[in-house]
């Protein structure tokens, strides 16, 4: 099978309605290497990059309230900085580049996804692709 390991996806596939930073960017702990009083930051098994984590809220109105907030892991050599807050908004909108998802079965036996990214940035404005409103007949022409 061609799919091995993390599956590359686009930001719009994971967060079609966008998302917002709702937590601090924090180092992810390597539980195997850390000991009492000694924190060791996790490194990505594939790239060797340091792993950071930030909580984001999915802006999709159909997502259940208990599933709105998800952790996004960021692979970066230094701690990423979220985009500047936007005036008048209670949360900071954010987009991610170079996303991958890794499916796994969580502790309750349900399918879940680990989201990893390579970059965090402010949303692009005015560059969203137009929705395809053409009819099938026009597409075939």
Protein backbone atom coordinates (compact mmCIF):
# COMPACT_ATOMS: atom_id res chain seq x y z
CA UNK A 1 0.00 0.00 0.00
CA UNK A 2 1.31 3.45 -0.92
CA UNK A 3 0.06 5.09 2.29
CA UNK A 4 2.59 4.58 5.03
CA UNK A 5 2.78 6.78 8.13
CA UNK A 6 1.28 10.28 8.33
CA UNK A 7 -1.17 11.20 5.55
CA UNK A 8 -0.61 14.62 3.89
CA UNK A 9 -3.77 16.77 3.79
CA UNK A 10 -4.63 20.40 3.10
CA UNK A 11 -5.67 22.89 5.77
CA UNK A 12 -9.09 23.24 4.11
CA UNK A 13 -9.67 19.48 4.35
CA UNK A 14 -9.16 19.49 8.12
CA UNK A 15 -10.60 22.93 8.97
CA UNK A 16 -12.95 23.95 6.11
CA UNK A 17 -14.46 26.73 8.28
CA UNK A 18 -11.12 27.80 9.74
CA UNK A 19 -9.86 27.57 13.31
CA UNK A 20 -8.77 29.75 16.21
CA UNK A 21 -5.91 29.56 18.71
CA UNK A 22 -7.37 29.04 22.20
CA UNK A 23 -4.25 28.07 24.13
CA UNK A 24 -0.54 28.70 24.48
CA UNK A 25 2.10 27.05 22.33
CA UNK A 26 3.79 24.55 24.65
CA UNK A 27 6.62 22.06 24.38
CA UNK A 28 5.47 18.43 24.21
CA UNK A 29 7.04 16.24 26.88
CA UNK A 30 8.95 13.10 25.93
CA UNK A 31 7.54 10.82 28.63
CA UNK A 32 10.14 8.10 28.02
CA UNK A 33 13.20 10.39 28.28
CA UNK A 34 11.91 12.73 31.02
CA UNK A 35 12.48 11.89 34.68
CA UNK A 36 11.38 13.48 37.95
CA UNK A 37 12.60 17.06 37.84
CA UNK A 38 14.12 16.73 34.34
CA UNK A 39 11.94 17.75 31.38
CA UNK A 40 12.93 16.45 27.95
CA UNK A 41 11.08 17.80 24.94
CA UNK A 42 9.73 15.31 22.42
CA UNK A 43 11.20 15.07 18.94
CA UNK A 44 9.36 13.87 15.87
CA UNK A 45 10.34 10.28 15.07
CA UNK A 46 10.55 10.95 11.33
CA UNK A 47 12.16 14.40 11.10
CA UNK A 48 13.93 14.77 14.45
CA UNK A 49 12.36 18.25 14.87
CA UNK A 50 11.20 19.46 18.28
CA UNK A 51 7.46 18.96 18.89
CA UNK A 52 5.26 21.82 20.14
CA UNK A 53 1.51 21.79 20.73
CA UNK A 54 -1.27 24.37 20.59
CA UNK A 55 -4.99 24.03 21.27
CA UNK A 56 -7.27 25.29 18.51
CA UNK A 57 -11.03 25.58 18.21
CA UNK A 58 -12.62 24.30 15.01
CA UNK A 59 -14.96 26.95 13.58
CA UNK A 60 -17.21 24.34 11.94
CA UNK A 61 -20.72 25.00 13.35
CA UNK A 62 -21.71 21.33 12.93
CA UNK A 63 -18.95 19.97 15.19
CA UNK A 64 -20.20 18.80 18.60
CA UNK A 65 -19.18 21.09 21.50
CA UNK A 66 -17.02 18.38 23.11
CA UNK A 67 -15.05 17.96 19.88
CA UNK A 68 -14.53 21.64 19.02
CA UNK A 69 -11.10 21.96 20.64
CA UNK A 70 -8.25 19.88 19.23
CA UNK A 71 -4.50 19.78 19.81
CA UNK A 72 -2.28 20.53 16.83
CA UNK A 73 1.35 19.44 17.04
CA UNK A 74 3.87 21.75 15.36
CA UNK A 75 7.28 20.48 14.25
CA UNK A 76 9.77 23.34 14.51
CA UNK A 77 13.33 24.01 15.74
CA UNK A 78 12.15 26.92 17.94
CA UNK A 79 8.88 27.70 19.71
CA UNK A 80 6.35 28.94 17.12
CA UNK A 81 4.61 32.26 17.76
CA UNK A 82 0.86 32.52 17.01
CA UNK A 83 -0.30 35.30 14.69
CA UNK A 84 -1.18 38.66 16.22
CA UNK A 85 -4.74 38.89 17.63
CA UNK A 86 -7.30 40.59 15.42
CA UNK A 87 -9.19 43.54 16.91
CA UNK A 88 -12.78 42.74 17.83
CA UNK A 89 -12.31 38.95 17.87
CA UNK A 90 -12.21 36.96 21.11
CA UNK A 91 -9.86 34.36 19.60
CA UNK A 92 -6.97 34.56 17.13
CA UNK A 93 -7.64 33.04 13.69
CA UNK A 94 -4.83 30.79 12.46
CA UNK A 95 -3.91 28.61 9.51
CA UNK A 96 -1.37 25.81 9.28
CA UNK A 97 0.90 24.65 6.46
CA UNK A 98 2.16 21.17 5.59
CA UNK A 99 -0.48 19.24 7.55
CA UNK A 100 -0.47 15.51 8.10
CA UNK A 101 -2.95 13.35 9.95
CA UNK A 102 -2.25 10.01 11.58
CA UNK A 103 -5.27 7.88 12.46
CA UNK A 104 -5.21 5.92 15.71
CA UNK A 105 -7.62 4.23 18.11
CA UNK A 106 -7.97 6.27 21.32
CA UNK A 107 -8.40 5.00 24.87
CA UNK A 108 -12.16 4.60 24.46
CA UNK A 109 -11.76 2.47 21.33
CA UNK A 110 -12.81 5.23 18.91
CA UNK A 111 -10.99 6.33 15.78
CA UNK A 112 -9.11 9.61 16.31
CA UNK A 113 -6.51 11.62 14.39
CA UNK A 114 -3.21 13.16 15.40
CA UNK A 115 -2.64 16.41 13.50
CA UNK A 116 0.93 17.54 12.81
CA UNK A 117 1.98 20.66 10.93
CA UNK A 118 5.22 22.38 9.90
CA UNK A 119 4.12 26.03 10.15
CA UNK A 120 1.53 28.29 11.80
CA UNK A 121 0.51 31.65 10.31
CA UNK A 122 -2.21 34.27 10.07
CA UNK A 123 -5.00 33.36 7.63
CA UNK A 124 -4.58 34.58 4.09
CA UNK A 125 -7.17 37.14 3.10
CA UNK A 126 -8.73 37.44 -0.31
CA UNK A 127 -6.90 34.39 -1.69
CA UNK A 128 -9.51 31.74 -0.96
CA UNK A 129 -10.26 29.62 -4.01
CA UNK A 130 -13.69 30.17 -5.49
CA UNK A 131 -16.24 27.48 -4.78
CA UNK A 132 -17.03 25.32 -7.78
CA UNK A 133 -20.52 26.41 -8.80
CA UNK A 134 -20.37 25.08 -12.37
CA UNK A 135 -22.84 22.44 -13.46
CA UNK A 136 -21.51 19.01 -14.54
CA UNK A 137 -22.35 19.81 -18.19
CA UNK A 138 -20.20 22.95 -18.09
CA UNK A 139 -17.34 21.07 -16.42
CA UNK A 140 -17.28 18.49 -19.21
CA UNK A 141 -17.09 21.14 -21.94
